[in-house]
C-alpha atoms as a PDB file:
ATOM      1  CA  MET A   1      11.127   0.570   1.255  1.00  0.00           C
ATOM      2  CA  ALA A   2      12.950   1.224  -2.005  1.00  0.00           C
ATOM      3  CA  PHE A   3      15.491   3.982  -1.800  1.00  0.00           C
ATOM      4  CA  ALA A   4      17.947   5.547  -4.231  1.00  0.00           C
ATOM      5  CA  GLY A   5      19.597   2.936  -6.409  1.00  0.00           C
ATOM      6  CA  ASN A   6      16.653   0.620  -5.665  1.00  0.00           C
ATOM      7  CA  VAL A   7      18.249  -0.241  -2.331  1.00  0.00           C
ATOM      8  CA  ASP A   8      16.162  -1.103   0.723  1.00  0.00           C
ATOM      9  CA  GLU A   9      16.561   1.947   2.973  1.00  0.00           C
ATOM     10  CA  LEU A  10      16.352   0.016   6.236  1.00  0.00           C
ATOM     11  CA  ALA A  11      19.017  -2.450   5.112  1.00  0.00           C
ATOM     12  CA  LEU A  12      21.152   0.470   3.917  1.00  0.00           C
ATOM     13  CA  LEU A  13      20.873   2.473   7.135  1.00  0.00           C
ATOM     14  CA  GLN A  14      21.516  -0.597   9.266  1.00  0.00           C
ATOM     15  CA  ALA A  15      24.557  -1.561   7.191  1.00  0.00           C
ATOM     16  CA  VAL A  16      26.033   1.906   7.670  1.00  0.00           C
ATOM     17  CA  ARG A  17      25.369   1.780  11.403  1.00  0.00           C
ATOM     18  CA  LEU A  18      26.820  -1.695  11.850  1.00  0.00           C
ATOM     19  CA  LYS A  19      29.923  -0.867   9.831  1.00  0.00           C
ATOM     20  CA  GLU A  20      30.222   2.602  11.448  1.00  0.00           C
ATOM     21  CA  ARG A  21      32.140   4.049   8.465  1.00  0.00           C
ATOM     22  CA  VAL A  22      31.725   2.578   5.023  1.00  0.00           C
ATOM     23  CA  GLY A  23      32.446   3.390   1.391  1.00  0.00           C
ATOM     24  CA  ALA A  24      30.069   2.978  -1.539  1.00  0.00           C
ATOM     25  CA  VAL A  25      31.832  -0.081  -2.965  1.00  0.00           C
ATOM     26  CA  VAL A  26      31.693  -1.990   0.326  1.00  0.00           C
ATOM     27  CA  LEU A  27      28.051  -0.953   0.773  1.00  0.00           C
ATOM     28  CA  ALA A  28      27.182  -2.279  -2.679  1.00  0.00           C
ATOM     29  CA  GLU A  29      28.950  -5.581  -1.998  1.00  0.00           C
ATOM     30  CA  HIS A  30      27.337  -5.921   1.426  1.00  0.00           C
ATOM     31  CA  LEU A  31      23.847  -5.200   0.095  1.00  0.00           C
ATOM     32  CA  GLY A  32      24.300  -7.323  -3.029  1.00  0.00           C
ATOM     33  CA  VAL A  33      23.650  -4.508  -5.491  1.00  0.00           C
ATOM     34  CA  SER A  34      25.586  -3.016  -8.383  1.00  0.00           C
ATOM     35  CA  ALA A  35      28.331  -0.481  -7.737  1.00  0.00           C
ATOM     36  CA  ALA A  36      26.135   2.195  -9.373  1.00  0.00           C
ATOM     37  CA  SER A  37      23.223   1.387  -7.049  1.00  0.00           C
ATOM     38  CA  GLY A  38      25.523   1.430  -4.034  1.00  0.00           C
ATOM     39  CA  GLN A  39      26.905   4.813  -5.069  1.00  0.00           C
ATOM     40  CA  ALA A  40      23.406   6.228  -5.666  1.00  0.00           C
ATOM     41  CA  ALA A  41      22.259   5.097  -2.219  1.00  0.00           C
ATOM     42  CA  TYR A  42      25.453   6.425  -0.618  1.00  0.00           C
ATOM     43  CA  ASP A  43      25.014   9.810  -2.335  1.00  0.00           C
ATOM     44  CA  ALA A  44      21.322  10.014  -1.415  1.00  0.00           C
ATOM     45  CA  LEU A  45      22.037   9.415   2.294  1.00  0.00           C
ATOM     46  CA  VAL A  46      24.523  12.268   2.248  1.00  0.00           C
ATOM     47  CA  ALA A  47      22.213  14.573   0.241  1.00  0.00           C
ATOM     48  CA  GLN A  48      19.338  13.936   2.650  1.00  0.00           C
ATOM     49  CA  GLY A  49      21.483  14.648   5.693  1.00  0.00           C
ATOM     50  CA  LYS A  50      21.170  11.088   6.980  1.00  0.00           C
ATOM     51  CA  ALA A  51      24.898  10.481   6.618  1.00  0.00           C
ATOM     52  CA  VAL A  52      28.037  12.532   6.582  1.00  0.00           C
ATOM     53  CA  GLU A  53      31.009  11.806   4.342  1.00  0.00           C
ATOM     54  CA  ALA A  54      34.634  12.030   5.362  1.00  0.00           C
ATOM     55  CA  GLU A  55      37.662  10.520   3.638  1.00  0.00           C
ATOM     56  CA  GLY A  56      35.614   8.462   1.171  1.00  0.00           C
ATOM     57  CA  ALA A  57      33.326   6.861   3.735  1.00  0.00           C
ATOM     58  CA  ILE A  58      30.015   7.728   5.353  1.00  0.00           C
ATOM     59  CA  SER A  59      28.618   7.403   8.839  1.00  0.00           C
ATOM     60  CA  LEU A  60      25.117   8.106  10.050  1.00  0.00           C
ATOM     61  CA  THR A  61      24.098  11.484  11.407  1.00  0.00           C
ATOM     62  CA  GLU A  62      21.575  11.950  14.194  1.00  0.00           C
ATOM     63  CA  LYS A  63      18.903  12.300  11.489  1.00  0.00           C
ATOM     64  CA  GLY A  64      19.987   9.012   9.925  1.00  0.00           C
ATOM     65  CA  LEU A  65      20.046   7.238  13.288  1.00  0.00           C
ATOM     66  CA  ALA A  66      16.560   8.557  14.108  1.00  0.00           C
ATOM     67  CA  GLU A  67      15.235   7.335  10.749  1.00  0.00           C
ATOM     68  CA  LEU A  68      16.866   3.958  11.319  1.00  0.00           C
ATOM     69  CA  GLU A  69      15.300   3.600  14.766  1.00  0.00           C
ATOM     70  CA  ASP A  70      11.870   4.530  13.392  1.00  0.00           C
ATOM     71  CA  GLN A  71      12.170   1.919  10.655  1.00  0.00           C
ATOM     72  CA  LEU A  72      13.483  -0.755  13.045  1.00  0.00           C
ATOM     73  CA  ASP A  73      10.569  -0.053  15.400  1.00  0.00           C
ATOM     74  CA  ALA A  74       8.125  -0.475  12.506  1.00  0.00           C
ATOM     75  CA  GLU A  75       9.828  -3.720  11.482  1.00  0.00           C
ATOM     76  CA  ARG A  76       9.719  -5.131  15.033  1.00  0.00           C
ATOM     77  CA  VAL A  77       5.939  -4.670  15.137  1.00  0.00           C
ATOM     78  CA  SER A  78       5.624  -7.146  12.259  1.00  0.00           C
ATOM     79  CA  ILE A  79       7.860  -9.821  13.823  1.00  0.00           C
ATOM     80  CA  ASP A  80       6.272 -12.712  15.738  1.00  0.00           C
ATOM     81  CA  GLU A  81       7.829 -12.193  19.183  1.00  0.00           C
ATOM     82  CA  ASP A  82       7.598 -15.818  20.345  1.00  0.00           C
ATOM     83  CA  SER A  83       9.158 -17.151  17.153  1.00  0.00           C
ATOM     84  CA  ILE A  84      12.037 -14.678  17.145  1.00  0.00           C
ATOM     85  CA  VAL A  85      12.752 -15.464  20.802  1.00  0.00           C
ATOM     86  CA  GLU A  86      12.959 -19.160  19.858  1.00  0.00           C
ATOM     87  CA  VAL A  87      15.465 -18.315  17.133  1.00  0.00           C
ATOM     88  CA  TYR A  88      17.412 -16.180  19.608  1.00  0.00           C
ATOM     89  CA  GLU A  89      17.493 -19.002  22.186  1.00  0.00           C
ATOM     90  CA  ALA A  90      18.714 -21.467  19.553  1.00  0.00           C
ATOM     91  CA  PHE A  91      21.377 -18.979  18.432  1.00  0.00           C
ATOM     92  CA  VAL A  92      22.944 -18.350  21.856  1.00  0.00           C
ATOM     93  CA  PRO A  93      24.711 -21.761  22.139  1.00  0.00           C
ATOM     94  CA  LEU A  94      25.934 -21.490  18.544  1.00  0.00           C
ATOM     95  CA  ASP A  95      27.210 -18.000  19.283  1.00  0.00           C
ATOM     96  CA  GLU A  96      29.100 -19.233  22.332  1.00  0.00           C
ATOM     97  CA  GLU A  97      30.627 -21.982  20.218  1.00  0.00           C
ATOM     98  CA  PHE A  98      31.525 -19.491  17.496  1.00  0.00           C
ATOM     99  CA  VAL A  99      33.268 -17.190  19.992  1.00  0.00           C
ATOM    100  CA  ALA A 100      35.314 -20.131  21.321  1.00  0.00           C
ATOM    101  CA  LEU A 101      36.087 -21.368  17.809  1.00  0.00           C
ATOM    102  CA  ILE A 102      36.965 -18.229  15.888  1.00  0.00           C
ATOM    103  CA  ASP A 103      40.497 -17.631  17.161  1.00  0.00           C
ATOM    104  CA  ASP A 104      41.618 -21.087  15.991  1.00  0.00           C
ATOM    105  CA  ALA A 105      39.088 -21.588  13.222  1.00  0.00           C
ATOM    106  CA  ASP A 106      39.951 -23.432  10.060  1.00  0.00           C
ATOM    107  CA  ALA A 107      37.877 -24.106   6.963  1.00  0.00           C
ATOM    108  CA  ASN A 108      36.525 -27.421   8.261  1.00  0.00           C
ATOM    109  CA  SER A 109      35.412 -26.214  11.695  1.00  0.00           C
ATOM    110  CA  LEU A 110      33.843 -23.112  10.169  1.00  0.00           C
ATOM    111  CA  ALA A 111      32.021 -25.205   7.555  1.00  0.00           C
ATOM    112  CA  GLU A 112      30.667 -27.514  10.259  1.00  0.00           C
ATOM    113  CA  LEU A 113      29.359 -24.593  12.329  1.00  0.00           C
ATOM    114  CA  ASP A 114      27.916 -23.004   9.194  1.00  0.00           C
ATOM    115  CA  ARG A 115      26.098 -26.238   8.340  1.00  0.00           C
ATOM    116  CA  ARG A 116      24.527 -26.413  11.806  1.00  0.00           C
ATOM    117  CA  ALA A 117      23.589 -22.712  11.803  1.00  0.00           C
ATOM    118  CA  ALA A 118      22.016 -22.745   8.315  1.00  0.00           C
ATOM    119  CA  ASN A 119      18.517 -23.769   9.434  1.00  0.00           C
ATOM    120  CA  LEU A 120      18.542 -21.184  12.185  1.00  0.00           C
ATOM    121  CA  PHE A 121      19.461 -18.460   9.692  1.00  0.00           C
ATOM    122  CA  ASP A 122      16.725 -19.730   7.363  1.00  0.00           C
ATOM    123  CA  ASP A 123      14.244 -19.290  10.222  1.00  0.00           C
ATOM    124  CA  LEU A 124      15.600 -15.838  11.012  1.00  0.00           C
ATOM    125  CA  SER A 125      15.255 -14.800   7.374  1.00  0.00           C
ATOM    126  CA  ALA A 126      11.653 -16.024   7.354  1.00  0.00           C
ATOM    127  CA  PHE A 127      10.819 -13.710  10.259  1.00  0.00           C
ATOM    128  CA  VAL A 128      13.011 -10.804   9.144  1.00  0.00           C
ATOM    129  CA  PRO A 129      13.267 -11.083   5.332  1.00  0.00           C
ATOM    130  CA  ARG A 130      15.827  -8.293   4.900  1.00  0.00           C
ATOM    131  CA  LEU A 131      18.323 -10.483   6.773  1.00  0.00           C
ATOM    132  CA  SER A 132      18.302 -13.160   4.059  1.00  0.00           C
ATOM    133  CA  ARG A 133      21.252 -11.349   2.441  1.00  0.00           C
ATOM    134  CA  TYR A 134      23.414 -12.542   5.323  1.00  0.00           C
ATOM    135  CA  GLN A 135      23.183 -16.126   4.088  1.00  0.00           C
ATOM    136  CA  ASP A 136      24.895 -15.042   0.861  1.00  0.00           C
ATOM    137  CA  LEU A 137      27.534 -13.165   2.849  1.00  0.00           C
ATOM    138  CA  PHE A 138      28.225 -16.252   4.990  1.00  0.00           C
ATOM    139  CA  SER A 139      28.425 -18.430   1.891  1.00  0.00           C
ATOM    140  CA  ASP A 140      30.783 -16.032   0.112  1.00  0.00           C
ATOM    141  CA  ALA A 141      33.106 -15.739   3.127  1.00  0.00           C
ATOM    142  CA  LEU A 142      33.138 -19.503   3.716  1.00  0.00           C
ATOM    143  CA  ALA A 143      33.904 -20.206   0.050  1.00  0.00           C
ATOM    144  CA  LYS A 144      36.887 -17.860   0.231  1.00  0.00           C
ATOM    145  CA  VAL A 145      38.104 -19.527   3.433  1.00  0.00           C
ATOM    146  CA  GLN A 146      37.773 -22.949   1.783  1.00  0.00           C
ATOM    147  CA  ALA A 147      39.767 -21.613  -1.180  1.00  0.00           C
ATOM    148  CA  GLY A 148      42.639 -20.900   1.218  1.00  0.00           C
ATOM    149  CA  GLU A 149      42.049 -17.201   1.860  1.00  0.00           C
ATOM    150  CA  SER A 150      42.319 -17.286   5.656  1.00  0.00           C
ATOM    151  CA  LYS A 151      41.739 -13.540   6.061  1.00  0.00           C
ATOM    152  CA  TRP A 152      38.060 -14.270   5.286  1.00  0.00           C
ATOM    153  CA  ILE A 153      37.776 -16.003   8.663  1.00  0.00           C
ATOM    154  CA  SER A 154      38.070 -12.907  10.828  1.00  0.00           C
ATOM    155  CA  GLU A 155      39.439  -9.842   9.011  1.00  0.00           C
ATOM    156  CA  PRO A 156      37.507  -6.897  10.489  1.00  0.00           C
ATOM    157  CA  ILE A 157      37.430  -4.515   7.500  1.00  0.00           C
ATOM    158  CA  ILE A 158      35.782  -6.924   5.057  1.00  0.00           C
ATOM    159  CA  ASP A 159      32.623  -9.059   5.205  1.00  0.00           C
ATOM    160  CA  SER A 160      34.636 -11.923   6.691  1.00  0.00           C
ATOM    161  CA  TYR A 161      32.799 -14.760   8.400  1.00  0.00           C
ATOM    162  CA  ALA A 162      33.421 -13.201  11.829  1.00  0.00           C
ATOM    163  CA  THR A 163      32.294  -9.748  10.678  1.00  0.00           C
ATOM    164  CA  VAL A 164      29.088 -11.158   9.209  1.00  0.00           C
ATOM    165  CA  TRP A 165      28.495 -13.276  12.327  1.00  0.00           C
ATOM    166  CA  GLY A 166      28.890 -10.224  14.555  1.00  0.00           C
ATOM    167  CA  GLU A 167      26.435  -8.245  12.448  1.00  0.00           C
ATOM    168  CA  ILE A 168      23.827 -11.019  12.398  1.00  0.00           C
ATOM    169  CA  ARG A 169      24.258 -11.333  16.173  1.00  0.00           C
ATOM    170  CA  GLN A 170      23.438  -7.625  16.576  1.00  0.00           C
ATOM    171  CA  GLU A 171      20.508  -7.934  14.179  1.00  0.00           C
ATOM    172  CA  LEU A 172      19.045 -10.961  15.980  1.00  0.00           C
ATOM    173  CA  PHE A 173      19.530  -9.469  19.440  1.00  0.00           C
ATOM    174  CA  GLY A 174      17.797  -6.283  18.279  1.00  0.00           C
ATOM    175  CA  ALA A 175      14.919  -8.160  16.645  1.00  0.00           C
ATOM    176  CA  ALA A 176      14.446 -10.242  19.811  1.00  0.00           C
ATOM    177  CA  GLY A 177      14.528  -7.116  21.988  1.00  0.00           C
ATOM    178  CA  LYS A 178      17.788  -8.184  23.657  1.00  0.00           C
ATOM    179  CA  ALA A 179      20.009  -5.350  22.419  1.00  0.00           C
END
């Protein structure tokens, strides 16, 4: 559903929840929209009482969390349960590997895992289209790691590879009813 700034409201609400506290610029980058669209969506959440602002960042209010849960419930109804469970089951071994790898990850090992996970994330995006943005986030983080910017492996404040992986894990577990 289009929201202020032509941002998908479900993706917006979920991004705020997953990040817990987030500014408009980071929201725009995460959602792949212009800074103006990110700011408009940020402002609209606050104006509608779905988020509260403090120190330049927003977090969801009870009203925002309730709206998010309603929209996630509606989304889950449209997801083929058997197919999403298959994606979940294929993800679990990759997730275990990722957890073991991340502390000592380098560009090559991350690229190899990314290559093997790509088809799985394609399948996930087919079942839950709003998650297709994560493929861009993975690609952006990996490119920065390959360019020598090691903070993009696991820095928690940015959309590093580990941050994006953790968010997609939560998204997949929720979609599969495992959260």
